[in-house]
Amino acid sequence: MKFSLKAKLNIMAATAILAVILLMLMGYLLGKNAAIGSNAYNKIDLTSKFVADIAPPALFMVEAANQAEQLYSLDKTQRAASIKDIEKHLQQFDELVAKWGASTDLPADVVADINKRLKPQGKEFQLTLANDVLEPAARGDDEALLKGYAKMEKTFLEHETIVYDLVERAAKLNEKSQAEGVSVVKYLYHAINGSGSNLDYCCGVFLGIFQ
């Protein structure tokens, strides 16, 4: 039996993973160039980790939802194993919300959104998932399980909206940190080598060493 949420979850998961891989690659390459500017490098490292932690299966609980959606087609033994795995994903969410919600390095407005939006709504999704999907799946009540999927989808879409907003903001933070890192390199070499045409040449040689 097919569910409309399944294809969407798979597409979102694949898209999120690809986006994070690209962002982390950019962060790595530019981070190397900013190695001599420790503050800039630390910012790149921080925002890159934040972006990575949003990806499945962490702050974005898409993998837990995807696995839950598959429970209907599993037998009792398979369901029990899958439910344990889903619960591990939910625990990861709690741990990372606690970690980033207490961050003193991220912008205050981002931390506030984690604590005031992502955390409470994530708890609501987890409760819906546990009570309306995992519980009936465990006791073999397929009729209740199918009804639970509708409730799960509603709360997941709310979760998705908050996460996508954080992804966009995290990507902007990461991009800004990378730009600052490159600026540090250019600024230091400008101070050492002077201005004019020599600047581009010196920066080019220096950056080429780390490629």
Protein backbone atom coordinates (compact mmCIF):
# COMPACT_ATOMS: atom_id res chain seq x y z
CA MET A 1 0.00 0.00 0.00
CA LYS A 2 1.40 3.40 -1.00
CA PHE A 3 1.29 6.52 1.12
CA SER A 4 1.63 10.04 -0.26
CA LEU A 5 4.11 10.93 2.47
CA LYS A 6 6.61 8.23 1.48
CA ALA A 7 7.85 9.71 -1.79
CA LYS A 8 8.02 13.17 -0.28
CA LEU A 9 10.06 11.99 2.69
CA ASN A 10 12.53 10.16 0.46
CA ILE A 11 12.98 13.19 -1.81
CA MET A 12 13.44 15.52 1.17
CA ALA A 13 15.98 13.23 2.78
CA ALA A 14 18.02 12.90 -0.42
CA THR A 15 17.88 16.65 -1.07
CA ALA A 16 18.91 17.51 2.49
CA ILE A 17 21.83 15.09 2.42
CA LEU A 18 23.06 16.42 -0.95
CA ALA A 19 22.79 20.02 0.24
CA VAL A 20 24.78 19.28 3.37
CA ILE A 21 27.49 17.43 1.45
CA LEU A 22 27.91 20.43 -0.87
CA LEU A 23 27.96 22.88 2.04
CA MET A 24 30.46 20.83 3.98
CA LEU A 25 32.73 20.53 0.94
CA MET A 26 32.67 24.30 0.47
CA GLY A 27 33.34 24.79 4.16
CA TYR A 28 36.29 22.39 4.06
CA LEU A 29 37.94 24.02 1.05
CA LEU A 30 37.46 27.57 2.27
CA GLY A 31 38.20 26.59 5.85
CA LYS A 32 41.68 25.49 4.82
CA ASN A 33 42.26 28.91 3.30
CA ALA A 34 41.21 30.56 6.57
CA ALA A 35 43.43 28.40 8.76
CA ILE A 36 45.71 31.31 9.64
CA GLY A 37 42.72 33.31 10.88
CA SER A 38 41.63 31.25 13.87
CA ASN A 39 38.44 33.21 14.61
CA ALA A 40 37.29 32.90 11.01
CA TYR A 41 38.15 29.22 10.90
CA ASN A 42 36.28 28.57 14.15
CA LYS A 43 33.19 30.28 12.74
CA ILE A 44 33.34 28.13 9.61
CA ASP A 45 33.78 25.01 11.71
CA LEU A 46 30.88 25.95 14.00
CA THR A 47 28.39 26.77 11.26
CA SER A 48 29.41 23.73 9.21
CA LYS A 49 28.73 21.47 12.18
CA PHE A 50 25.38 23.17 12.77
CA VAL A 51 24.38 22.60 9.14
CA ALA A 52 25.51 18.97 9.38
CA ASP A 53 23.50 18.36 12.55
CA ILE A 54 20.32 19.54 10.86
CA ALA A 55 20.66 16.86 8.22
CA PRO A 56 19.00 13.45 8.60
CA PRO A 57 18.88 11.70 10.97
CA ALA A 58 19.46 14.42 13.53
CA LEU A 59 17.60 17.71 14.04
CA PHE A 60 15.54 16.94 10.94
CA MET A 61 13.50 13.88 11.94
CA VAL A 62 12.70 12.88 8.37
CA GLU A 63 14.38 9.49 8.70
CA ALA A 64 12.33 8.62 11.78
CA ALA A 65 9.16 9.61 9.92
CA ASN A 66 10.23 7.65 6.86
CA GLN A 67 10.88 4.50 8.90
CA ALA A 68 7.60 4.94 10.75
CA GLU A 69 5.75 5.13 7.45
CA GLN A 70 7.19 1.72 6.51
CA LEU A 71 5.89 -0.02 9.65
CA TYR A 72 2.58 -0.94 8.04
CA SER A 73 4.27 -3.34 5.62
CA LEU A 74 6.46 -5.07 8.25
CA ASP A 75 5.74 -8.15 10.34
CA LYS A 76 5.75 -8.12 14.15
CA THR A 77 9.46 -8.94 14.54
CA GLN A 78 10.53 -6.40 11.91
CA ARG A 79 8.31 -3.77 13.47
CA ALA A 80 9.92 -4.22 16.88
CA ALA A 81 13.41 -3.76 15.42
CA SER A 82 12.35 -0.74 13.38
CA ILE A 83 10.64 0.91 16.37
CA LYS A 84 13.88 0.62 18.39
CA ASP A 85 15.78 2.28 15.57
CA ILE A 86 13.21 5.07 15.32
CA GLU A 87 13.50 5.71 19.05
CA LYS A 88 17.28 6.10 18.65
CA HIS A 89 16.70 8.79 16.01
CA LEU A 90 14.33 10.61 18.35
CA GLN A 91 16.92 10.48 21.12
CA GLN A 92 19.51 12.01 18.78
CA PHE A 93 17.10 14.87 18.16
CA ASP A 94 16.76 15.51 21.90
CA GLU A 95 20.53 15.45 22.40
CA LEU A 96 21.24 17.88 19.56
CA VAL A 97 18.45 20.26 20.56
CA ALA A 98 20.00 20.38 24.04
CA LYS A 99 23.46 20.94 22.52
CA TRP A 100 22.58 23.74 20.09
CA GLY A 101 19.92 25.22 22.34
CA ALA A 102 22.64 25.96 24.89
CA SER A 103 25.12 27.33 22.34
CA THR A 104 26.79 30.64 23.16
CA ASP A 105 28.42 30.84 19.73
CA LEU A 106 25.40 30.77 17.43
CA PRO A 107 23.44 34.02 16.95
CA ALA A 108 20.94 34.60 19.77
CA ASP A 109 17.94 34.62 17.42
CA VAL A 110 18.88 31.18 16.04
CA VAL A 111 19.29 29.74 19.54
CA ALA A 112 15.94 31.27 20.51
CA ASP A 113 14.25 29.59 17.54
CA ILE A 114 15.76 26.25 18.49
CA ASN A 115 14.39 26.53 22.03
CA LYS A 116 11.07 28.23 21.32
CA ARG A 117 10.09 26.67 17.99
CA LEU A 118 12.09 23.58 17.07
CA LYS A 119 12.17 22.00 20.53
CA PRO A 120 8.47 22.25 21.51
CA GLN A 121 7.20 21.37 18.05
CA GLY A 122 9.67 18.49 17.86
CA LYS A 123 8.28 17.18 21.15
CA GLU A 124 4.78 17.40 19.71
CA PHE A 125 5.85 15.39 16.66
CA GLN A 126 7.55 12.80 18.88
CA LEU A 127 4.43 12.39 21.03
CA THR A 128 2.23 12.00 17.97
CA LEU A 129 4.64 9.50 16.49
CA ALA A 130 4.86 7.50 19.73
CA ASN A 131 1.16 7.47 20.63
CA ASP A 132 -0.52 7.33 17.21
CA VAL A 133 1.99 5.36 15.12
CA LEU A 134 4.54 3.38 17.13
CA GLU A 135 2.11 2.18 19.80
CA PRO A 136 -0.56 0.79 17.43
CA ALA A 137 2.18 -0.67 15.22
CA ALA A 138 3.67 -2.51 18.20
CA ARG A 139 0.33 -4.03 19.23
CA GLY A 140 -0.58 -4.91 15.63
CA ASP A 141 -3.53 -2.53 15.30
CA ASP A 142 -3.22 -1.68 11.62
CA GLU A 143 -6.47 0.26 11.48
CA ALA A 144 -5.28 2.63 14.22
CA LEU A 145 -1.86 2.77 12.58
CA LEU A 146 -3.31 4.02 9.30
CA LYS A 147 -5.26 6.71 11.15
CA GLY A 148 -2.08 7.64 13.00
CA TYR A 149 -0.26 8.35 9.75
CA ALA A 150 -2.56 11.27 9.03
CA LYS A 151 -1.79 12.83 12.42
CA MET A 152 1.92 12.16 11.95
CA GLU A 153 1.94 13.85 8.55
CA LYS A 154 0.36 17.01 9.95
CA THR A 155 2.90 17.40 12.75
CA PHE A 156 5.77 16.41 10.47
CA LEU A 157 4.90 19.17 7.99
CA GLU A 158 5.03 21.67 10.85
CA HIS A 159 8.42 20.25 11.85
CA GLU A 160 9.58 20.45 8.23
CA THR A 161 8.70 24.16 7.99
CA ILE A 162 10.77 25.03 11.06
CA VAL A 163 13.72 22.89 9.95
CA TYR A 164 13.78 24.36 6.44
CA ASP A 165 13.89 27.83 7.95
CA LEU A 166 16.84 26.81 10.14
CA VAL A 167 18.58 25.17 7.17
CA GLU A 168 18.31 28.40 5.19
CA ARG A 169 19.62 30.49 8.06
CA ALA A 170 22.40 28.02 8.85
CA ALA A 171 23.48 28.04 5.21
CA LYS A 172 23.65 31.84 5.26
CA LEU A 173 25.69 31.76 8.46
CA ASN A 174 28.02 29.22 6.90
CA GLU A 175 28.38 31.31 3.74
CA LYS A 176 29.09 34.45 5.78
CA SER A 177 31.71 32.65 7.86
CA GLN A 178 33.43 31.34 4.74
CA ALA A 179 33.49 34.83 3.22
CA GLU A 180 34.98 36.23 6.41
CA GLY A 181 37.62 33.50 6.35
CA VAL A 182 38.75 34.41 2.84
CA SER A 183 38.73 38.09 3.80
CA VAL A 184 41.08 37.37 6.71
CA VAL A 185 43.56 35.70 4.38
CA LYS A 186 43.49 38.60 1.94
CA TYR A 187 43.73 41.19 4.69
CA LEU A 188 46.81 39.60 6.28
CA TYR A 189 48.58 39.29 2.97
CA HIS A 190 47.70 42.84 2.08
CA ALA A 191 49.35 43.95 5.33
CA ILE A 192 52.47 41.86 4.68
CA ASN A 193 52.95 42.41 0.96
CA GLY A 194 51.50 45.86 0.43
CA SER A 195 48.79 46.96 -1.99
CA GLY A 196 48.50 47.08 -5.73
CA SER A 197 49.02 44.36 -8.30
CA ASN A 198 51.20 42.26 -5.96
CA LEU A 199 48.19 41.57 -3.72
CA ASP A 200 46.29 39.33 -6.13
CA TYR A 201 49.48 37.51 -7.09
CA CYS A 202 50.54 36.84 -3.48
CA CYS A 203 47.06 35.75 -2.42
CA GLY A 204 46.85 33.49 -5.43
CA VAL A 205 50.16 31.83 -4.63
CA PHE A 206 49.25 31.43 -0.96
CA LEU A 207 45.81 29.99 -1.61
CA GLY A 208 47.28 27.67 -4.22
CA ILE A 209 49.54 26.09 -1.60
CA PHE A 210 46.51 24.74 0.24
CA GLN A 211 44.69 23.41 -2.81
